[in-house]
C-alpha cells in the first residue's frame, strides 16, 4: 500500500504506508470481573455500615471480619487484578484498593487493635482516612452497597440473557 502525498514535503514521491495494526482487546477471553467485585464490595460495605449507622453495637463489629477478609478482601482484590488484565484501569484501582482496605481492616481489628492504646480512636481514624478516599460510611455506605448490588445484578442478568434487563448508567 502506498500513498502519494503530492507536494507536501516529499516532492511527489510515493511513501509506503502500513496497514493499521489490529490488536486484540485486552482480556477479551476473561469474563467481566466487575459484578464479582461489586457484589463483594456491596455485602462487606453493607455489614460494616450496619455498625457505622448504629444499627448494631460497635462491640459486635467482629461479625464483619470473616467477610472482610475473604469476600471483601481477597475476592475483591482478585476482581481488581482481573480488571487490570481486561485493561480497565478504573475498575482495577477501585477493586484492588477496596480489596486491600478489607484485608487491612481485618488485620487491624483482629491483630492490631488490641495492642493499641486507644483502639476505638485508631479504628475511627483508619475508617475516616478511607472515608476521605471513598466518601463512604454509615447511611451513605448503606446506599452505596445497595447501588453496587444493583449494578452487579444488572451485569450478571445482562450477560445471562445476552441483553440488558435492568437500566444502568454508563461511566462514559
N, C-alpha and C. Protein backbone atom coordinates (compact mmCIF):
# COMPACT_ATOMS: atom_id res chain seq x y z
N UNK A 1 0.85 -1.16 0.00
CA UNK A 1 0.00 0.00 0.00
C UNK A 1 0.90 1.22 0.00
N UNK A 2 0.63 2.19 -0.86
CA UNK A 2 1.41 3.42 -0.91
C UNK A 2 0.46 4.60 -0.93
N UNK A 3 0.99 5.72 -0.52
CA UNK A 3 0.21 6.95 -0.51
C UNK A 3 1.01 8.03 -1.20
N UNK A 4 0.42 8.79 -2.09
CA UNK A 4 1.08 9.90 -2.75
C UNK A 4 0.71 11.17 -2.00
N UNK A 5 1.71 11.78 -1.41
CA UNK A 5 1.48 12.99 -0.63
C UNK A 5 1.62 14.26 -1.48
N UNK A 6 1.79 14.12 -2.77
CA UNK A 6 1.89 15.28 -3.65
C UNK A 6 3.06 16.16 -3.29
N UNK A 7 2.84 17.43 -3.22
CA UNK A 7 3.92 18.39 -2.94
C UNK A 7 3.93 18.82 -1.48
N UNK A 8 3.67 17.92 -0.58
CA UNK A 8 3.62 18.26 0.85
C UNK A 8 4.90 17.85 1.56
N UNK A 9 6.02 18.15 0.97
CA UNK A 9 7.27 17.92 1.66
C UNK A 9 8.05 16.72 1.17
N UNK A 10 7.50 15.86 0.34
CA UNK A 10 8.27 14.71 -0.11
C UNK A 10 8.47 14.76 -1.62
N UNK A 11 8.23 15.90 -2.21
CA UNK A 11 8.49 16.16 -3.63
C UNK A 11 7.78 15.19 -4.55
N UNK A 12 6.57 14.79 -4.20
CA UNK A 12 5.75 13.97 -5.08
C UNK A 12 6.07 12.49 -5.07
N UNK A 13 6.99 12.06 -4.21
CA UNK A 13 7.31 10.63 -4.15
C UNK A 13 6.22 9.89 -3.40
N UNK A 14 6.03 8.68 -3.82
CA UNK A 14 5.09 7.83 -3.08
C UNK A 14 5.79 7.27 -1.86
N UNK A 15 5.11 7.36 -0.73
CA UNK A 15 5.66 6.90 0.54
C UNK A 15 4.89 5.66 0.96
N UNK A 16 5.62 4.56 1.21
CA UNK A 16 4.90 3.35 1.63
C UNK A 16 4.28 3.55 3.01
N UNK A 17 3.09 3.05 3.16
CA UNK A 17 2.42 3.08 4.47
C UNK A 17 2.03 1.65 4.81
N UNK A 18 1.85 1.42 6.10
CA UNK A 18 1.47 0.08 6.55
C UNK A 18 -0.02 0.07 6.87
N UNK A 19 -0.60 -1.08 6.69
CA UNK A 19 -2.00 -1.24 7.07
C UNK A 19 -2.10 -1.09 8.59
N UNK A 20 -3.22 -0.59 9.08
CA UNK A 20 -3.38 -0.46 10.53
C UNK A 20 -3.20 -1.81 11.21
N UNK A 21 -2.54 -1.77 12.34
CA UNK A 21 -2.31 -3.00 13.10
C UNK A 21 -3.55 -3.29 13.92
N UNK A 22 -4.05 -4.49 13.78
CA UNK A 22 -5.21 -4.91 14.56
C UNK A 22 -4.69 -5.61 15.82
N UNK A 23 -5.03 -5.05 16.97
CA UNK A 23 -4.58 -5.62 18.24
C UNK A 23 -5.78 -6.25 18.94
N UNK A 24 -5.54 -7.37 19.59
CA UNK A 24 -6.65 -7.98 20.33
C UNK A 24 -7.06 -7.10 21.51
N UNK A 25 -8.31 -7.17 21.85
CA UNK A 25 -8.82 -6.44 23.00
C UNK A 25 -8.26 -7.09 24.25
N UNK A 26 -7.65 -6.29 25.16
CA UNK A 26 -7.08 -6.88 26.37
C UNK A 26 -8.13 -7.63 27.18
N UNK A 27 -7.80 -8.82 27.59
CA UNK A 27 -8.67 -9.59 28.46
C UNK A 27 -9.98 -10.03 27.86
N UNK A 28 -10.08 -10.02 26.52
CA UNK A 28 -11.35 -10.41 25.88
C UNK A 28 -11.75 -11.83 26.24
N UNK A 29 -10.79 -12.65 26.58
CA UNK A 29 -11.08 -14.04 26.93
C UNK A 29 -11.57 -14.20 28.37
N UNK A 30 -11.54 -13.12 29.14
CA UNK A 30 -11.98 -13.17 30.54
C UNK A 30 -13.42 -12.71 30.68
N UNK A 31 -14.12 -13.32 31.62
CA UNK A 31 -15.46 -12.82 31.97
C UNK A 31 -15.31 -11.47 32.64
N UNK A 32 -16.36 -10.69 32.66
CA UNK A 32 -16.34 -9.38 33.29
C UNK A 32 -16.23 -9.55 34.81
N UNK A 33 -15.14 -9.06 35.41
CA UNK A 33 -14.98 -9.23 36.86
C UNK A 33 -15.75 -8.20 37.69
N UNK A 34 -16.32 -7.18 37.04
CA UNK A 34 -17.00 -6.11 37.79
C UNK A 34 -18.16 -6.60 38.64
N UNK A 35 -19.04 -7.49 38.14
CA UNK A 35 -20.13 -7.94 39.02
C UNK A 35 -19.63 -8.62 40.29
N UNK A 36 -18.56 -9.40 40.19
CA UNK A 36 -18.00 -10.05 41.37
C UNK A 36 -17.43 -9.01 42.33
N UNK A 37 -16.66 -8.07 41.80
CA UNK A 37 -16.09 -7.03 42.64
C UNK A 37 -17.15 -6.18 43.30
N UNK A 38 -18.20 -5.83 42.54
CA UNK A 38 -19.29 -5.03 43.10
C UNK A 38 -20.06 -5.79 44.17
N UNK A 39 -20.30 -7.08 43.94
CA UNK A 39 -21.02 -7.88 44.94
C UNK A 39 -20.21 -7.99 46.23
N UNK A 40 -18.91 -8.22 46.11
CA UNK A 40 -18.05 -8.30 47.29
C UNK A 40 -18.02 -6.97 48.03
N UNK A 41 -17.92 -5.89 47.27
CA UNK A 41 -17.95 -4.55 47.86
C UNK A 41 -19.27 -4.31 48.57
N UNK A 42 -20.38 -4.66 47.91
CA UNK A 42 -21.71 -4.38 48.45
C UNK A 42 -21.95 -5.09 49.78
N UNK A 43 -21.72 -6.39 49.81
CA UNK A 43 -22.01 -7.16 51.02
C UNK A 43 -21.14 -6.70 52.19
N UNK A 44 -19.86 -6.55 51.96
CA UNK A 44 -18.96 -6.19 53.04
C UNK A 44 -19.22 -4.77 53.52
N UNK A 45 -19.44 -3.85 52.58
CA UNK A 45 -19.74 -2.47 52.95
C UNK A 45 -21.06 -2.39 53.72
N UNK A 46 -22.05 -3.15 53.28
CA UNK A 46 -23.33 -3.17 53.97
C UNK A 46 -23.16 -3.61 55.43
N UNK A 47 -22.42 -4.71 55.64
CA UNK A 47 -22.27 -5.22 57.00
C UNK A 47 -21.53 -4.24 57.90
N UNK A 48 -20.46 -3.62 57.40
CA UNK A 48 -19.76 -2.64 58.22
C UNK A 48 -20.62 -1.39 58.42
N UNK A 49 -21.37 -1.00 57.43
CA UNK A 49 -22.22 0.19 57.53
C UNK A 49 -23.35 0.00 58.52
N UNK A 50 -23.81 -1.23 58.72
CA UNK A 50 -24.82 -1.51 59.74
C UNK A 50 -24.27 -1.11 61.11
N UNK A 51 -22.98 -1.40 61.33
CA UNK A 51 -22.34 -0.99 62.59
C UNK A 51 -22.16 0.52 62.62
N UNK A 52 -21.63 1.08 61.50
CA UNK A 52 -21.37 2.53 61.46
C UNK A 52 -22.64 3.37 61.59
N UNK A 53 -23.75 2.85 61.09
CA UNK A 53 -25.02 3.58 61.18
C UNK A 53 -25.66 3.43 62.56
N UNK A 54 -25.09 2.58 63.41
CA UNK A 54 -25.61 2.41 64.75
C UNK A 54 -26.72 1.39 64.86
N UNK A 55 -26.95 0.61 63.82
CA UNK A 55 -27.98 -0.43 63.87
C UNK A 55 -27.52 -1.63 64.70
N UNK A 56 -26.21 -1.78 64.84
CA UNK A 56 -25.64 -2.84 65.66
C UNK A 56 -24.53 -2.21 66.49
N UNK A 57 -24.41 -2.62 67.73
CA UNK A 57 -23.39 -2.10 68.62
C UNK A 57 -22.00 -2.36 68.04
N UNK A 58 -21.13 -1.37 68.11
CA UNK A 58 -19.76 -1.49 67.61
C UNK A 58 -18.99 -2.62 68.25
N UNK A 59 -19.41 -3.05 69.44
CA UNK A 59 -18.75 -4.19 70.09
C UNK A 59 -18.95 -5.47 69.30
N UNK A 60 -19.95 -5.48 68.44
CA UNK A 60 -20.23 -6.66 67.60
C UNK A 60 -19.57 -6.57 66.23
N UNK A 61 -18.67 -5.62 66.06
CA UNK A 61 -18.03 -5.41 64.76
C UNK A 61 -17.31 -6.66 64.25
N UNK A 62 -16.93 -7.54 65.15
CA UNK A 62 -16.20 -8.75 64.76
C UNK A 62 -16.95 -9.64 63.79
N UNK A 63 -18.27 -9.55 63.75
CA UNK A 63 -19.02 -10.41 62.84
C UNK A 63 -18.72 -10.07 61.37
N UNK A 64 -18.15 -8.91 61.14
CA UNK A 64 -17.82 -8.48 59.79
C UNK A 64 -16.48 -9.07 59.34
N UNK A 65 -15.65 -9.51 60.27
CA UNK A 65 -14.26 -9.84 59.96
C UNK A 65 -14.07 -10.96 58.95
N UNK A 66 -14.80 -12.05 59.08
CA UNK A 66 -14.64 -13.15 58.12
C UNK A 66 -14.99 -12.72 56.71
N UNK A 67 -16.08 -11.99 56.58
CA UNK A 67 -16.49 -11.48 55.27
C UNK A 67 -15.47 -10.45 54.78
N UNK A 68 -14.96 -9.63 55.69
CA UNK A 68 -13.99 -8.60 55.30
C UNK A 68 -12.74 -9.24 54.70
N UNK A 69 -12.24 -10.28 55.31
CA UNK A 69 -11.03 -10.93 54.80
C UNK A 69 -11.29 -11.69 53.51
N UNK A 70 -12.28 -12.58 53.52
CA UNK A 70 -12.47 -13.48 52.38
C UNK A 70 -13.14 -12.81 51.19
N UNK A 71 -14.30 -12.25 51.39
CA UNK A 71 -15.09 -11.74 50.27
C UNK A 71 -14.71 -10.30 49.92
N UNK A 72 -14.71 -9.44 50.91
CA UNK A 72 -14.36 -8.05 50.66
C UNK A 72 -12.89 -7.87 50.31
N UNK A 73 -12.04 -8.67 50.92
CA UNK A 73 -10.60 -8.52 50.70
C UNK A 73 -10.06 -9.33 49.55
N UNK A 74 -10.00 -10.63 49.73
CA UNK A 74 -9.36 -11.49 48.74
C UNK A 74 -10.12 -11.50 47.42
N UNK A 75 -11.43 -11.71 47.47
CA UNK A 75 -12.22 -11.80 46.24
C UNK A 75 -12.22 -10.46 45.50
N UNK A 76 -12.39 -9.37 46.23
CA UNK A 76 -12.41 -8.07 45.57
C UNK A 76 -11.05 -7.69 44.98
N UNK A 77 -9.97 -8.05 45.69
CA UNK A 77 -8.63 -7.80 45.16
C UNK A 77 -8.42 -8.60 43.87
N UNK A 78 -8.87 -9.85 43.87
CA UNK A 78 -8.76 -10.68 42.65
C UNK A 78 -9.55 -10.04 41.50
N UNK A 79 -10.73 -9.53 41.78
CA UNK A 79 -11.51 -8.85 40.74
C UNK A 79 -10.74 -7.66 40.19
N UNK A 80 -10.04 -6.95 41.06
CA UNK A 80 -9.22 -5.83 40.62
C UNK A 80 -8.09 -6.28 39.69
N UNK A 81 -7.47 -7.39 40.02
CA UNK A 81 -6.40 -7.89 39.15
C UNK A 81 -6.96 -8.33 37.80
N UNK A 82 -8.15 -8.92 37.79
CA UNK A 82 -8.77 -9.30 36.52
C UNK A 82 -9.17 -8.05 35.71
N UNK A 83 -9.53 -6.97 36.41
CA UNK A 83 -9.81 -5.72 35.70
C UNK A 83 -8.53 -5.20 35.02
N UNK A 84 -7.38 -5.34 35.69
CA UNK A 84 -6.12 -4.96 35.04
C UNK A 84 -5.92 -5.77 33.77
N UNK A 85 -6.17 -7.08 33.85
CA UNK A 85 -5.99 -7.94 32.68
C UNK A 85 -6.94 -7.54 31.55
N UNK A 86 -8.09 -7.01 31.88
CA UNK A 86 -9.05 -6.58 30.86
C UNK A 86 -8.76 -5.17 30.36
N UNK A 87 -7.79 -4.49 30.97
CA UNK A 87 -7.44 -3.15 30.53
C UNK A 87 -8.30 -2.05 31.13
N UNK A 88 -9.04 -2.34 32.20
CA UNK A 88 -9.89 -1.35 32.83
C UNK A 88 -9.18 -0.78 34.06
N UNK A 89 -8.52 0.34 33.87
CA UNK A 89 -7.72 0.93 34.94
C UNK A 89 -8.58 1.36 36.13
N UNK A 90 -9.72 2.01 35.86
CA UNK A 90 -10.58 2.45 36.96
C UNK A 90 -11.03 1.27 37.82
N UNK A 91 -11.56 0.22 37.18
CA UNK A 91 -12.00 -0.96 37.91
C UNK A 91 -10.87 -1.62 38.67
N UNK A 92 -9.70 -1.65 38.04
CA UNK A 92 -8.54 -2.27 38.68
C UNK A 92 -8.15 -1.51 39.95
N UNK A 93 -8.08 -0.20 39.85
CA UNK A 93 -7.70 0.61 41.01
C UNK A 93 -8.76 0.53 42.10
N UNK A 94 -10.02 0.65 41.71
CA UNK A 94 -11.10 0.65 42.70
C UNK A 94 -11.18 -0.70 43.43
N UNK A 95 -11.29 -1.79 42.68
CA UNK A 95 -11.44 -3.09 43.33
C UNK A 95 -10.19 -3.51 44.08
N UNK A 96 -9.01 -3.26 43.53
CA UNK A 96 -7.78 -3.61 44.23
C UNK A 96 -7.63 -2.80 45.51
N UNK A 97 -7.96 -1.52 45.44
CA UNK A 97 -7.87 -0.66 46.64
C UNK A 97 -8.84 -1.12 47.72
N UNK A 98 -10.09 -1.36 47.34
CA UNK A 98 -11.06 -1.82 48.33
C UNK A 98 -10.71 -3.21 48.86
N UNK A 99 -10.18 -4.07 48.00
CA UNK A 99 -9.74 -5.38 48.47
C UNK A 99 -8.65 -5.24 49.52
N UNK A 100 -7.68 -4.35 49.25
CA UNK A 100 -6.62 -4.10 50.22
C UNK A 100 -7.17 -3.46 51.50
N UNK A 101 -8.16 -2.58 51.34
CA UNK A 101 -8.81 -1.99 52.51
C UNK A 101 -9.38 -3.08 53.41
N UNK A 102 -10.14 -4.01 52.83
CA UNK A 102 -10.79 -5.02 53.66
C UNK A 102 -9.81 -5.97 54.32
N UNK A 103 -8.74 -6.33 53.62
CA UNK A 103 -7.72 -7.18 54.24
C UNK A 103 -7.05 -6.42 55.38
N UNK A 104 -6.72 -5.15 55.15
CA UNK A 104 -6.07 -4.36 56.21
C UNK A 104 -7.03 -4.08 57.36
N UNK A 105 -8.32 -3.91 57.06
CA UNK A 105 -9.30 -3.72 58.14
C UNK A 105 -9.38 -4.97 59.00
N UNK A 106 -9.43 -6.13 58.34
CA UNK A 106 -9.43 -7.39 59.08
C UNK A 106 -8.20 -7.47 59.98
N UNK A 107 -7.03 -7.17 59.43
CA UNK A 107 -5.80 -7.26 60.20
C UNK A 107 -5.82 -6.27 61.38
N UNK A 108 -6.25 -5.06 61.13
CA UNK A 108 -6.29 -4.04 62.17
C UNK A 108 -7.17 -4.48 63.33
N UNK A 109 -8.37 -4.91 63.02
CA UNK A 109 -9.31 -5.28 64.09
C UNK A 109 -8.90 -6.59 64.76
N UNK A 110 -8.47 -7.55 63.98
CA UNK A 110 -8.15 -8.88 64.51
C UNK A 110 -6.82 -8.92 65.27
N UNK A 111 -5.83 -8.17 64.81
CA UNK A 111 -4.48 -8.30 65.38
C UNK A 111 -3.95 -7.05 66.07
N UNK A 112 -4.15 -5.90 65.48
CA UNK A 112 -3.51 -4.69 65.99
C UNK A 112 -4.34 -3.92 67.00
N UNK A 113 -5.65 -3.90 66.87
CA UNK A 113 -6.48 -3.02 67.70
C UNK A 113 -6.28 -3.29 69.19
N UNK A 114 -6.16 -4.55 69.55
CA UNK A 114 -5.99 -4.88 70.96
C UNK A 114 -4.66 -4.40 71.52
N UNK A 115 -3.69 -4.15 70.68
CA UNK A 115 -2.37 -3.70 71.13
C UNK A 115 -2.23 -2.18 71.14
N UNK A 116 -3.26 -1.49 70.72
CA UNK A 116 -3.20 -0.04 70.64
C UNK A 116 -3.69 0.58 71.94
N UNK A 117 -3.15 1.75 72.27
CA UNK A 117 -3.55 2.44 73.50
C UNK A 117 -5.02 2.86 73.44
N UNK A 118 -5.49 3.28 72.27
CA UNK A 118 -6.88 3.72 72.11
C UNK A 118 -7.43 3.11 70.82
N UNK A 119 -7.83 1.82 70.87
CA UNK A 119 -8.25 1.14 69.64
C UNK A 119 -9.45 1.78 68.96
N UNK A 120 -10.41 2.31 69.74
CA UNK A 120 -11.57 2.94 69.11
C UNK A 120 -11.15 4.15 68.29
N UNK A 121 -10.26 4.95 68.84
CA UNK A 121 -9.78 6.13 68.12
C UNK A 121 -8.97 5.72 66.89
N UNK A 122 -8.12 4.70 67.02
CA UNK A 122 -7.30 4.26 65.89
C UNK A 122 -8.17 3.74 64.75
N UNK A 123 -9.14 2.89 65.08
CA UNK A 123 -10.03 2.37 64.04
C UNK A 123 -10.87 3.51 63.46
N UNK A 124 -11.28 4.44 64.30
CA UNK A 124 -12.03 5.59 63.81
C UNK A 124 -11.24 6.41 62.80
N UNK A 125 -9.97 6.71 63.12
CA UNK A 125 -9.13 7.46 62.19
C UNK A 125 -8.86 6.66 60.92
N UNK A 126 -8.66 5.37 61.08
CA UNK A 126 -8.45 4.50 59.92
C UNK A 126 -9.65 4.57 58.97
N UNK A 127 -10.84 4.42 59.52
CA UNK A 127 -12.05 4.49 58.70
C UNK A 127 -12.27 5.90 58.15
N UNK A 128 -11.91 6.91 58.91
CA UNK A 128 -12.03 8.29 58.43
C UNK A 128 -11.13 8.51 57.20
N UNK A 129 -9.89 8.03 57.29
CA UNK A 129 -8.97 8.19 56.16
C UNK A 129 -9.50 7.48 54.92
N UNK A 130 -10.01 6.27 55.09
CA UNK A 130 -10.59 5.57 53.95
C UNK A 130 -11.88 6.25 53.51
N UNK A 131 -12.59 6.84 54.43
CA UNK A 131 -13.80 7.59 54.07
C UNK A 131 -13.49 8.77 53.16
N UNK A 132 -12.35 9.43 53.42
CA UNK A 132 -11.93 10.51 52.53
C UNK A 132 -11.69 9.95 51.13
N UNK A 133 -11.05 8.79 51.07
CA UNK A 133 -10.76 8.15 49.79
C UNK A 133 -12.04 7.76 49.05
N UNK A 134 -13.04 7.32 49.80
CA UNK A 134 -14.24 6.77 49.17
C UNK A 134 -15.51 7.58 49.38
N UNK A 135 -15.49 8.50 50.33
CA UNK A 135 -16.69 9.24 50.71
C UNK A 135 -17.82 8.29 51.12
N UNK A 136 -17.45 7.22 51.87
CA UNK A 136 -18.44 6.26 52.34
C UNK A 136 -18.52 6.24 53.85
N UNK A 137 -19.55 5.58 54.38
CA UNK A 137 -19.68 5.36 55.81
C UNK A 137 -21.12 5.53 56.24
N UNK A 138 -21.50 4.82 57.27
CA UNK A 138 -22.84 4.96 57.83
C UNK A 138 -23.92 4.77 56.79
N UNK A 139 -24.88 5.68 56.77
CA UNK A 139 -26.01 5.58 55.85
C UNK A 139 -25.58 5.69 54.40
N UNK A 140 -24.60 6.55 54.11
CA UNK A 140 -24.10 6.66 52.74
C UNK A 140 -23.50 5.33 52.29
N UNK A 141 -22.81 4.66 53.19
CA UNK A 141 -22.25 3.34 52.88
C UNK A 141 -23.34 2.33 52.56
N UNK A 142 -24.46 2.40 53.28
CA UNK A 142 -25.58 1.50 53.01
C UNK A 142 -26.15 1.75 51.61
N UNK A 143 -26.32 3.03 51.26
CA UNK A 143 -26.82 3.37 49.92
C UNK A 143 -25.85 2.93 48.84
N UNK A 144 -24.55 3.11 49.09
CA UNK A 144 -23.53 2.69 48.13
C UNK A 144 -23.55 1.18 47.94
N UNK A 145 -23.73 0.45 49.03
CA UNK A 145 -23.80 -1.02 48.95
C UNK A 145 -24.99 -1.45 48.10
N UNK A 146 -26.13 -0.82 48.31
CA UNK A 146 -27.33 -1.17 47.52
C UNK A 146 -27.09 -0.87 46.04
N UNK A 147 -26.48 0.27 45.74
CA UNK A 147 -26.18 0.61 44.34
C UNK A 147 -25.22 -0.40 43.72
N UNK A 148 -24.23 -0.85 44.48
CA UNK A 148 -23.27 -1.84 43.96
C UNK A 148 -23.95 -3.18 43.72
N UNK A 149 -24.82 -3.61 44.64
CA UNK A 149 -25.57 -4.86 44.43
C UNK A 149 -26.43 -4.78 43.17
N UNK A 150 -27.11 -3.67 43.01
CA UNK A 150 -27.97 -3.49 41.83
C UNK A 150 -27.15 -3.58 40.55
N UNK A 151 -26.02 -2.87 40.50
CA UNK A 151 -25.18 -2.86 39.31
C UNK A 151 -24.61 -4.24 39.04
N UNK A 152 -24.22 -4.95 40.08
CA UNK A 152 -23.72 -6.32 39.93
C UNK A 152 -24.82 -7.21 39.36
N UNK A 153 -26.01 -7.13 39.91
CA UNK A 153 -27.14 -7.93 39.44
C UNK A 153 -27.48 -7.61 38.00
N UNK A 154 -27.46 -6.32 37.65
CA UNK A 154 -27.75 -5.90 36.27
C UNK A 154 -26.73 -6.48 35.29
N UNK A 155 -25.46 -6.48 35.67
CA UNK A 155 -24.42 -7.01 34.78
C UNK A 155 -24.55 -8.52 34.61
N UNK A 156 -24.84 -9.22 35.69
CA UNK A 156 -24.99 -10.69 35.60
C UNK A 156 -26.21 -11.06 34.76
N UNK A 157 -27.33 -10.37 34.96
CA UNK A 157 -28.53 -10.70 34.16
C UNK A 157 -28.33 -10.33 32.70
N UNK A 158 -27.64 -9.23 32.42
CA UNK A 158 -27.39 -8.85 31.03
C UNK A 158 -26.53 -9.90 30.34
N UNK A 159 -25.54 -10.43 31.05
CA UNK A 159 -24.70 -11.48 30.47
C UNK A 159 -25.50 -12.76 30.28
N UNK A 160 -26.28 -13.12 31.27
CA UNK A 160 -27.06 -14.36 31.22
C UNK A 160 -28.07 -14.35 30.09
N UNK A 161 -28.79 -13.25 29.93
CA UNK A 161 -29.85 -13.17 28.93
C UNK A 161 -29.40 -12.53 27.61
N UNK A 162 -28.10 -12.20 27.55
CA UNK A 162 -27.49 -11.63 26.33
C UNK A 162 -28.14 -10.32 25.90
N UNK A 163 -28.72 -9.60 26.86
CA UNK A 163 -29.28 -8.27 26.60
C UNK A 163 -29.52 -7.59 27.94
N UNK A 164 -29.53 -6.26 27.96
CA UNK A 164 -29.79 -5.56 29.22
C UNK A 164 -31.20 -5.87 29.74
N UNK A 165 -31.29 -6.22 30.99
CA UNK A 165 -32.58 -6.49 31.63
C UNK A 165 -32.97 -5.37 32.59
N UNK A 166 -31.99 -4.66 33.11
CA UNK A 166 -32.22 -3.57 34.06
C UNK A 166 -31.47 -2.33 33.59
N UNK A 167 -32.03 -1.15 33.81
CA UNK A 167 -31.31 0.05 33.38
C UNK A 167 -30.07 0.30 34.24
N UNK A 168 -28.99 0.65 33.58
CA UNK A 168 -27.76 1.07 34.25
C UNK A 168 -27.25 2.30 33.52
N UNK A 169 -26.43 3.06 34.21
CA UNK A 169 -25.91 4.29 33.65
C UNK A 169 -24.44 4.11 33.35
N UNK A 170 -24.04 4.54 32.18
CA UNK A 170 -22.68 4.36 31.71
C UNK A 170 -21.72 5.25 32.46
N UNK A 171 -20.47 4.76 32.62
CA UNK A 171 -19.42 5.57 33.24
C UNK A 171 -18.86 6.58 32.26
N UNK A 172 -19.18 6.44 30.97
CA UNK A 172 -18.61 7.36 29.97
C UNK A 172 -19.59 8.43 29.59
